[in-house]
Every structure is written in structure tokens, then in C-alpha cells.
């Protein structure tokens, strides 16, 4: 079962459409991206045929950079209850930066994915799955403690 909602998916697709448009359109963005204009168009389509087709992260970064604003990144942050703040306004006294957010997010995503995988086949966690979950839990805790030291 996916953890993102249909509303999340629609919001990401809308952000993808806006970013491509702001980047000069699919043809222009395809010149600086690894995907074609036709594929870029599919990332913004919310119909049944393309409901599960989302823009890869590297292409989203290119789209946002070409657009001159973090359109897709902002939508991703909003879907998780966060908002982006310009690095120029960052409080340097804490030595906390966006890499810390990414570190924690990646660690949590690995932990969450491992738990979903363990439960998806039979709804139970066997010993091998438990060990794998605990390895990912340890990674998450290390990331959290590392960031906690910077707050």
C-alpha cells in the first residue's frame, strides 16, 4: 500500500506541469534534461493512463533549476508538512542545513520501506525481517542523533 494519497499525487503532477511550463515548456526543458518533451508531458498528466508516472528526482531538480524556483521541491515539502526556506535566510548559528533534513529523510524512508516490505507478504515480521528492520532503525537513530547535536 502506498503512503502517498491521490491528492499528493495530483499535487505533484500539478507542480510538475507548472515547473515544466516555467522552464520554458517541454521542448526547452528536454534540451537540458535526460527525458523527451513527450515524457515530460506525461509526468504532468493525472489521467488513469499516467496516474503512476512521476518525474524522477534528477529531472525534477533540472525542472526547478530551469524554472528558477523550487516548484516541485516545494510541493514535495508541503506534502510532508514542511515548507522550504531560502538558504540566504538560514540561521548559521545552529550549523543545521538542508543536508541534515535529507539525511534524516533518507534514513526514515529506508526504515519505512523495510517495514512495509516485511509486512506486505503475510502481515508478520520474521526474524530475518526483524534484523533488517533493526539495521535500518539504527541508521535512522544515528541520523536523528547527528542532527539533534546541531539543533
N, C-alpha and C. Protein backbone atom coordinates (compact mmCIF):
# COMPACT_ATOMS: atom_id res chain seq x y z
N UNK A 1 0.83 -1.17 0.00
CA UNK A 1 0.00 0.00 0.00
C UNK A 1 0.88 1.25 0.00
N UNK A 2 0.58 2.18 -0.86
CA UNK A 2 1.36 3.41 -0.96
C UNK A 2 1.05 4.34 0.20
N UNK A 3 2.03 5.11 0.59
CA UNK A 3 1.83 6.04 1.70
C UNK A 3 1.46 7.44 1.22
N UNK A 4 1.55 7.68 -0.09
CA UNK A 4 1.09 8.97 -0.60
C UNK A 4 -0.35 8.82 -1.05
N UNK A 5 -1.11 9.89 -0.89
CA UNK A 5 -2.53 9.86 -1.24
C UNK A 5 -2.72 10.28 -2.69
N UNK A 6 -3.93 10.09 -3.19
CA UNK A 6 -4.25 10.56 -4.54
C UNK A 6 -4.08 12.07 -4.62
N UNK A 7 -4.45 12.78 -3.56
CA UNK A 7 -4.27 14.23 -3.53
C UNK A 7 -2.79 14.60 -3.61
N UNK A 8 -1.93 13.85 -2.92
CA UNK A 8 -0.49 14.08 -3.01
C UNK A 8 -0.02 13.91 -4.45
N UNK A 9 -0.47 12.84 -5.08
CA UNK A 9 -0.09 12.58 -6.47
C UNK A 9 -0.55 13.68 -7.40
N UNK A 10 -1.79 14.14 -7.22
CA UNK A 10 -2.30 15.23 -8.07
C UNK A 10 -1.50 16.51 -7.84
N UNK A 11 -1.15 16.78 -6.59
CA UNK A 11 -0.36 17.99 -6.29
C UNK A 11 1.02 17.91 -6.92
N UNK A 12 1.64 16.73 -6.89
CA UNK A 12 2.95 16.56 -7.52
C UNK A 12 2.87 16.71 -9.03
N UNK A 13 1.81 16.17 -9.61
CA UNK A 13 1.64 16.30 -11.06
C UNK A 13 1.39 17.76 -11.44
N UNK A 14 0.61 18.48 -10.64
CA UNK A 14 0.35 19.89 -10.91
C UNK A 14 1.65 20.70 -10.80
N UNK A 15 2.45 20.39 -9.79
CA UNK A 15 3.74 21.07 -9.63
C UNK A 15 4.66 20.76 -10.80
N UNK A 16 4.62 19.52 -11.28
CA UNK A 16 5.44 19.14 -12.44
C UNK A 16 5.02 19.95 -13.67
N UNK A 17 3.71 20.07 -13.89
CA UNK A 17 3.22 20.87 -15.02
C UNK A 17 3.69 22.32 -14.91
N UNK A 18 3.55 22.89 -13.72
CA UNK A 18 3.94 24.29 -13.52
C UNK A 18 5.44 24.48 -13.73
N UNK A 19 6.24 23.55 -13.23
CA UNK A 19 7.69 23.67 -13.37
C UNK A 19 8.11 23.56 -14.83
N UNK A 20 7.52 22.62 -15.56
CA UNK A 20 7.86 22.47 -16.98
C UNK A 20 7.48 23.74 -17.73
N UNK A 21 6.31 24.26 -17.45
CA UNK A 21 5.86 25.49 -18.12
C UNK A 21 6.80 26.65 -17.78
N UNK A 22 7.14 26.79 -16.50
CA UNK A 22 8.02 27.88 -16.07
C UNK A 22 9.44 27.73 -16.62
N UNK A 23 9.82 26.49 -16.95
CA UNK A 23 11.15 26.22 -17.51
C UNK A 23 11.19 26.47 -19.01
N UNK A 24 10.09 26.94 -19.57
CA UNK A 24 10.06 27.24 -21.00
C UNK A 24 9.33 26.21 -21.83
N UNK A 25 8.72 25.24 -21.19
CA UNK A 25 7.97 24.21 -21.90
C UNK A 25 8.78 22.93 -22.05
N UNK A 26 8.09 21.89 -22.48
CA UNK A 26 8.71 20.57 -22.60
C UNK A 26 9.85 20.52 -23.59
N UNK A 27 9.69 21.17 -24.72
CA UNK A 27 10.77 21.16 -25.73
C UNK A 27 12.04 21.79 -25.17
N UNK A 28 11.90 22.95 -24.53
CA UNK A 28 13.07 23.64 -23.98
C UNK A 28 13.71 22.83 -22.86
N UNK A 29 12.90 22.29 -21.96
CA UNK A 29 13.44 21.52 -20.84
C UNK A 29 14.10 20.23 -21.32
N UNK A 30 13.56 19.63 -22.37
CA UNK A 30 14.15 18.38 -22.86
C UNK A 30 15.57 18.57 -23.38
N UNK A 31 15.92 19.80 -23.75
CA UNK A 31 17.27 20.07 -24.25
C UNK A 31 18.33 20.02 -23.14
N UNK A 32 17.90 20.21 -21.89
CA UNK A 32 18.85 20.20 -20.77
C UNK A 32 18.55 19.07 -19.80
N UNK A 33 17.71 18.14 -20.23
CA UNK A 33 17.29 17.04 -19.37
C UNK A 33 17.56 15.72 -20.10
N UNK A 34 17.44 14.63 -19.38
CA UNK A 34 17.65 13.31 -19.99
C UNK A 34 16.38 12.71 -20.56
N UNK A 35 15.26 13.44 -20.49
CA UNK A 35 13.99 12.90 -20.98
C UNK A 35 13.43 13.77 -22.10
N UNK A 36 12.57 13.17 -22.90
CA UNK A 36 11.98 13.86 -24.04
C UNK A 36 10.84 14.78 -23.61
N UNK A 37 10.46 15.65 -24.52
CA UNK A 37 9.32 16.54 -24.26
C UNK A 37 8.05 15.73 -24.04
N UNK A 38 7.87 14.65 -24.78
CA UNK A 38 6.69 13.81 -24.62
C UNK A 38 6.64 13.18 -23.23
N UNK A 39 7.79 12.72 -22.75
CA UNK A 39 7.84 12.13 -21.41
C UNK A 39 7.58 13.19 -20.35
N UNK A 40 8.13 14.38 -20.53
CA UNK A 40 7.89 15.47 -19.58
C UNK A 40 6.40 15.77 -19.48
N UNK A 41 5.71 15.70 -20.60
CA UNK A 41 4.27 15.93 -20.62
C UNK A 41 3.54 14.87 -19.80
N UNK A 42 3.97 13.62 -19.92
CA UNK A 42 3.33 12.52 -19.19
C UNK A 42 3.44 12.70 -17.68
N UNK A 43 4.55 13.28 -17.22
CA UNK A 43 4.73 13.48 -15.78
C UNK A 43 3.66 14.40 -15.20
N UNK A 44 3.06 15.25 -16.04
CA UNK A 44 2.04 16.17 -15.56
C UNK A 44 0.63 15.70 -15.75
N UNK A 45 0.44 14.57 -16.43
CA UNK A 45 -0.90 14.06 -16.71
C UNK A 45 -1.44 13.27 -15.53
N UNK A 46 -2.68 13.59 -15.12
CA UNK A 46 -3.26 12.94 -13.95
C UNK A 46 -4.27 11.86 -14.32
N UNK A 47 -4.49 11.62 -15.60
CA UNK A 47 -5.45 10.59 -16.02
C UNK A 47 -4.98 9.19 -15.65
N UNK A 48 -5.89 8.24 -15.77
CA UNK A 48 -5.60 6.85 -15.38
C UNK A 48 -4.37 6.27 -16.06
N UNK A 49 -4.15 6.62 -17.33
CA UNK A 49 -3.02 6.06 -18.07
C UNK A 49 -1.66 6.46 -17.49
N UNK A 50 -1.60 7.63 -16.85
CA UNK A 50 -0.32 8.14 -16.36
C UNK A 50 -0.35 8.51 -14.88
N UNK A 51 -1.35 8.03 -14.16
CA UNK A 51 -1.50 8.39 -12.74
C UNK A 51 -0.30 7.97 -11.90
N UNK A 52 0.39 6.92 -12.29
CA UNK A 52 1.54 6.43 -11.52
C UNK A 52 2.88 6.81 -12.14
N UNK A 53 2.87 7.70 -13.12
CA UNK A 53 4.09 8.14 -13.79
C UNK A 53 4.51 9.48 -13.21
N UNK A 54 5.57 9.47 -12.39
CA UNK A 54 6.04 10.69 -11.75
C UNK A 54 7.44 11.04 -12.23
N UNK A 55 7.75 12.31 -12.15
CA UNK A 55 9.04 12.82 -12.59
C UNK A 55 10.14 12.31 -11.65
N UNK A 56 11.22 11.74 -12.20
CA UNK A 56 12.35 11.32 -11.37
C UNK A 56 12.99 12.53 -10.68
N UNK A 57 13.65 12.29 -9.57
CA UNK A 57 14.21 13.39 -8.78
C UNK A 57 15.22 14.23 -9.54
N UNK A 58 16.09 13.60 -10.34
CA UNK A 58 17.09 14.39 -11.06
C UNK A 58 16.43 15.30 -12.09
N UNK A 59 15.39 14.82 -12.73
CA UNK A 59 14.67 15.62 -13.71
C UNK A 59 13.89 16.74 -13.01
N UNK A 60 13.33 16.44 -11.84
CA UNK A 60 12.63 17.46 -11.06
C UNK A 60 13.59 18.58 -10.66
N UNK A 61 14.80 18.22 -10.27
CA UNK A 61 15.80 19.23 -9.92
C UNK A 61 16.13 20.09 -11.14
N UNK A 62 16.30 19.46 -12.29
CA UNK A 62 16.56 20.22 -13.51
C UNK A 62 15.39 21.15 -13.84
N UNK A 63 14.18 20.66 -13.69
CA UNK A 63 12.99 21.47 -13.96
C UNK A 63 12.94 22.67 -13.03
N UNK A 64 13.15 22.44 -11.75
CA UNK A 64 13.14 23.55 -10.79
C UNK A 64 14.24 24.55 -11.08
N UNK A 65 15.42 24.07 -11.40
CA UNK A 65 16.53 24.99 -11.70
C UNK A 65 16.23 25.81 -12.95
N UNK A 66 15.73 25.16 -13.98
CA UNK A 66 15.39 25.89 -15.21
C UNK A 66 14.24 26.85 -14.97
N UNK A 67 13.32 26.49 -14.09
CA UNK A 67 12.18 27.36 -13.77
C UNK A 67 12.62 28.55 -12.91
N UNK A 68 13.75 28.41 -12.24
CA UNK A 68 14.24 29.48 -11.39
C UNK A 68 13.60 29.51 -10.02
N UNK A 69 12.87 28.47 -9.68
CA UNK A 69 12.20 28.38 -8.38
C UNK A 69 11.97 26.92 -8.02
N UNK A 70 11.96 26.60 -6.74
CA UNK A 70 11.76 25.21 -6.31
C UNK A 70 10.29 24.79 -6.33
N UNK A 71 9.70 24.76 -7.50
CA UNK A 71 8.27 24.48 -7.63
C UNK A 71 7.95 23.05 -7.19
N UNK A 72 8.67 22.09 -7.72
CA UNK A 72 8.43 20.69 -7.38
C UNK A 72 8.95 20.39 -5.97
N UNK A 73 10.12 20.91 -5.64
CA UNK A 73 10.66 20.70 -4.29
C UNK A 73 9.71 21.25 -3.23
N UNK A 74 9.09 22.38 -3.51
CA UNK A 74 8.13 22.95 -2.56
C UNK A 74 6.91 22.05 -2.40
N UNK A 75 6.45 21.47 -3.50
CA UNK A 75 5.30 20.56 -3.44
C UNK A 75 5.65 19.31 -2.63
N UNK A 76 6.86 18.80 -2.82
CA UNK A 76 7.31 17.64 -2.04
C UNK A 76 7.37 17.98 -0.55
N UNK A 77 7.90 19.15 -0.24
CA UNK A 77 7.98 19.57 1.16
C UNK A 77 6.59 19.74 1.75
N UNK A 78 5.70 20.39 1.01
CA UNK A 78 4.34 20.62 1.50
C UNK A 78 3.60 19.31 1.76
N UNK A 79 3.83 18.32 0.91
CA UNK A 79 3.17 17.02 1.08
C UNK A 79 3.59 16.34 2.38
N UNK A 80 4.73 16.76 2.91
CA UNK A 80 5.24 16.19 4.16
C UNK A 80 5.07 17.13 5.35
N UNK A 81 4.33 18.22 5.12
CA UNK A 81 4.07 19.15 6.20
C UNK A 81 5.17 20.16 6.45
N UNK A 82 6.04 20.36 5.47
CA UNK A 82 7.14 21.30 5.62
C UNK A 82 7.01 22.40 4.58
N UNK A 83 7.82 23.43 4.73
CA UNK A 83 7.92 24.47 3.72
C UNK A 83 9.39 24.77 3.52
N UNK A 84 9.73 25.18 2.33
CA UNK A 84 11.12 25.50 2.04
C UNK A 84 11.43 26.92 2.47
N UNK A 85 12.65 27.13 2.90
CA UNK A 85 13.13 28.46 3.27
C UNK A 85 14.43 28.67 2.52
N UNK A 86 14.59 29.85 1.95
CA UNK A 86 15.81 30.17 1.21
C UNK A 86 17.03 30.03 2.11
N UNK A 87 18.09 29.49 1.57
CA UNK A 87 19.32 29.33 2.34
C UNK A 87 19.88 30.68 2.77
N UNK A 88 19.56 31.75 2.06
CA UNK A 88 20.01 33.08 2.44
C UNK A 88 19.44 33.51 3.78
N UNK A 89 18.27 32.97 4.16
CA UNK A 89 17.65 33.32 5.42
C UNK A 89 17.97 32.35 6.54
N UNK A 90 18.88 31.44 6.28
CA UNK A 90 19.22 30.38 7.23
C UNK A 90 19.96 30.94 8.45
N UNK A 91 19.66 30.41 9.62
CA UNK A 91 20.35 30.78 10.86
C UNK A 91 21.60 29.93 10.97
N UNK A 92 22.75 30.53 10.69
CA UNK A 92 24.01 29.77 10.66
C UNK A 92 24.52 29.41 12.05
N UNK A 93 23.95 30.00 13.09
CA UNK A 93 24.42 29.73 14.45
C UNK A 93 24.22 28.27 14.85
N UNK A 94 23.26 27.61 14.25
CA UNK A 94 22.97 26.24 14.62
C UNK A 94 23.72 25.20 13.79
N UNK A 95 24.34 25.61 12.72
CA UNK A 95 25.05 24.70 11.83
C UNK A 95 24.15 23.58 11.30
N UNK A 96 22.87 23.86 11.22
CA UNK A 96 21.90 22.91 10.69
C UNK A 96 21.59 23.33 9.26
N UNK A 97 21.60 22.38 8.34
CA UNK A 97 21.27 22.75 6.96
C UNK A 97 20.40 21.68 6.32
N UNK A 98 20.07 21.90 5.06
CA UNK A 98 19.15 21.02 4.35
C UNK A 98 19.71 19.61 4.16
N UNK A 99 21.00 19.49 4.19
CA UNK A 99 21.58 18.15 4.10
C UNK A 99 21.15 17.30 5.28
N UNK A 100 20.98 17.95 6.44
CA UNK A 100 20.51 17.22 7.62
C UNK A 100 19.09 16.70 7.42
N UNK A 101 18.25 17.52 6.82
CA UNK A 101 16.88 17.09 6.53
C UNK A 101 16.91 15.90 5.58
N UNK A 102 17.75 15.99 4.57
CA UNK A 102 17.87 14.91 3.61
C UNK A 102 18.39 13.64 4.28
N UNK A 103 19.39 13.78 5.12
CA UNK A 103 19.94 12.62 5.82
C UNK A 103 18.87 11.90 6.63
N UNK A 104 18.09 12.66 7.39
CA UNK A 104 17.03 12.06 8.20
C UNK A 104 15.94 11.48 7.30
N UNK A 105 15.59 12.21 6.25
CA UNK A 105 14.53 11.74 5.34
C UNK A 105 14.91 10.43 4.67
N UNK A 106 16.13 10.34 4.20
CA UNK A 106 16.59 9.12 3.53
C UNK A 106 16.62 7.95 4.52
N UNK A 107 17.11 8.21 5.72
CA UNK A 107 17.15 7.15 6.73
C UNK A 107 15.74 6.69 7.09
N UNK A 108 14.83 7.64 7.27
CA UNK A 108 13.45 7.26 7.60
C UNK A 108 12.80 6.51 6.45
N UNK A 109 13.03 6.97 5.23
CA UNK A 109 12.44 6.30 4.07
C UNK A 109 12.90 4.85 3.98
N UNK A 110 14.19 4.61 4.24
CA UNK A 110 14.70 3.24 4.24
C UNK A 110 14.05 2.39 5.31
N UNK A 111 13.91 2.96 6.50
CA UNK A 111 13.26 2.26 7.62
C UNK A 111 11.81 1.96 7.28
N UNK A 112 11.10 2.94 6.79
CA UNK A 112 9.69 2.77 6.46
C UNK A 112 9.49 1.75 5.34
N UNK A 113 10.31 1.83 4.32
CA UNK A 113 10.22 0.88 3.22
C UNK A 113 10.46 -0.54 3.71
N UNK A 114 11.48 -0.71 4.55
CA UNK A 114 11.80 -2.04 5.08
C UNK A 114 10.62 -2.59 5.87
N UNK A 115 9.97 -1.76 6.67
CA UNK A 115 8.82 -2.22 7.46
C UNK A 115 7.66 -2.61 6.54
N UNK A 116 7.40 -1.78 5.54
CA UNK A 116 6.31 -2.10 4.60
C UNK A 116 6.59 -3.42 3.87
N UNK A 117 7.83 -3.60 3.45
CA UNK A 117 8.19 -4.84 2.76
C UNK A 117 8.00 -6.05 3.67
N UNK A 118 8.40 -5.90 4.91
CA UNK A 118 8.29 -7.02 5.85
C UNK A 118 6.83 -7.41 6.09
N UNK A 119 5.97 -6.44 6.17
CA UNK A 119 4.57 -6.71 6.48
C UNK A 119 3.73 -7.04 5.25
N UNK A 120 4.21 -6.68 4.08
CA UNK A 120 3.37 -6.79 2.88
C UNK A 120 3.04 -8.23 2.47
N UNK A 121 3.92 -9.17 2.72
CA UNK A 121 3.66 -10.53 2.23
C UNK A 121 2.68 -11.31 3.11
N UNK A 122 2.87 -11.24 4.44
CA UNK A 122 2.00 -12.04 5.31
C UNK A 122 1.50 -11.28 6.54
N UNK A 123 1.82 -10.00 6.63
CA UNK A 123 1.36 -9.21 7.77
C UNK A 123 2.14 -9.45 9.04
N UNK A 124 3.22 -10.23 8.95
CA UNK A 124 4.03 -10.56 10.13
C UNK A 124 5.50 -10.28 9.82
N UNK A 125 6.28 -10.17 10.88
CA UNK A 125 7.71 -9.91 10.74
C UNK A 125 8.47 -11.13 11.25
N UNK A 126 9.22 -11.79 10.34
CA UNK A 126 10.02 -12.93 10.77
C UNK A 126 11.38 -12.44 11.27
N UNK A 127 12.22 -13.36 11.70
CA UNK A 127 13.50 -12.99 12.32
C UNK A 127 14.42 -12.25 11.35
N UNK A 128 14.53 -12.73 10.13
CA UNK A 128 15.39 -12.06 9.15
C UNK A 128 14.88 -10.65 8.86
N UNK A 129 13.57 -10.52 8.74
CA UNK A 129 12.98 -9.20 8.51
C UNK A 129 13.20 -8.29 9.71
N UNK A 130 13.10 -8.84 10.91
CA UNK A 130 13.32 -8.05 12.13
C UNK A 130 14.74 -7.51 12.17
N UNK A 131 15.72 -8.36 11.81
CA UNK A 131 17.11 -7.91 11.80
C UNK A 131 17.32 -6.79 10.78
N UNK A 132 16.72 -6.95 9.61
CA UNK A 132 16.84 -5.92 8.57
C UNK A 132 16.18 -4.61 9.03
N UNK A 133 15.03 -4.71 9.66
CA UNK A 133 14.34 -3.52 10.18
C UNK A 133 15.22 -2.84 11.23
N UNK A 134 15.81 -3.61 12.11
CA UNK A 134 16.65 -3.03 13.16
C UNK A 134 17.89 -2.35 12.60
N UNK A 135 18.47 -2.90 11.53
CA UNK A 135 19.61 -2.23 10.88
C UNK A 135 19.19 -0.87 10.37
N UNK A 136 18.01 -0.81 9.72
CA UNK A 136 17.52 0.47 9.21
C UNK A 136 17.12 1.40 10.35
N UNK A 137 16.59 0.83 11.43
CA UNK A 137 16.24 1.64 12.61
C UNK A 137 17.51 2.26 13.20
N UNK A 138 18.58 1.51 13.27
CA UNK A 138 19.85 2.03 13.78
C UNK A 138 20.36 3.18 12.91
N UNK A 139 20.26 3.02 11.60
CA UNK A 139 20.67 4.10 10.70
C UNK A 139 19.84 5.35 10.95
N UNK A 140 18.55 5.17 11.13
CA UNK A 140 17.66 6.30 11.40
C UNK A 140 18.04 6.97 12.71
N UNK A 141 18.27 6.20 13.74
CA UNK A 141 18.63 6.78 15.05
C UNK A 141 19.96 7.53 14.98
N UNK A 142 20.94 6.99 14.25
CA UNK A 142 22.21 7.70 14.09
C UNK A 142 21.99 9.04 13.41
N UNK A 143 21.17 9.03 12.37
CA UNK A 143 20.88 10.28 11.66
C UNK A 143 20.18 11.28 12.58
N UNK A 144 19.21 10.81 13.35
CA UNK A 144 18.49 11.70 14.26
C UNK A 144 19.41 12.28 15.34
N UNK A 145 20.26 11.45 15.92
CA UNK A 145 21.17 11.95 16.95
C UNK A 145 22.19 12.92 16.36
N UNK A 146 22.64 12.64 15.16
CA UNK A 146 23.59 13.53 14.49
C UNK A 146 22.96 14.91 14.29
N UNK A 147 21.73 14.94 13.82
CA UNK A 147 21.05 16.21 13.59
C UNK A 147 20.70 16.87 14.92
N UNK A 148 20.30 16.08 15.91
CA UNK A 148 19.94 16.63 17.21
C UNK A 148 21.11 17.41 17.81
N UNK A 149 22.33 16.97 17.55
CA UNK A 149 23.51 17.67 18.05
C UNK A 149 23.73 19.01 17.40
N UNK A 150 23.06 19.27 16.29
CA UNK A 150 23.22 20.55 15.59
C UNK A 150 22.11 21.54 15.90
N UNK A 151 21.07 21.07 16.57
CA UNK A 151 19.93 21.95 16.84
C UNK A 151 20.20 22.78 18.08
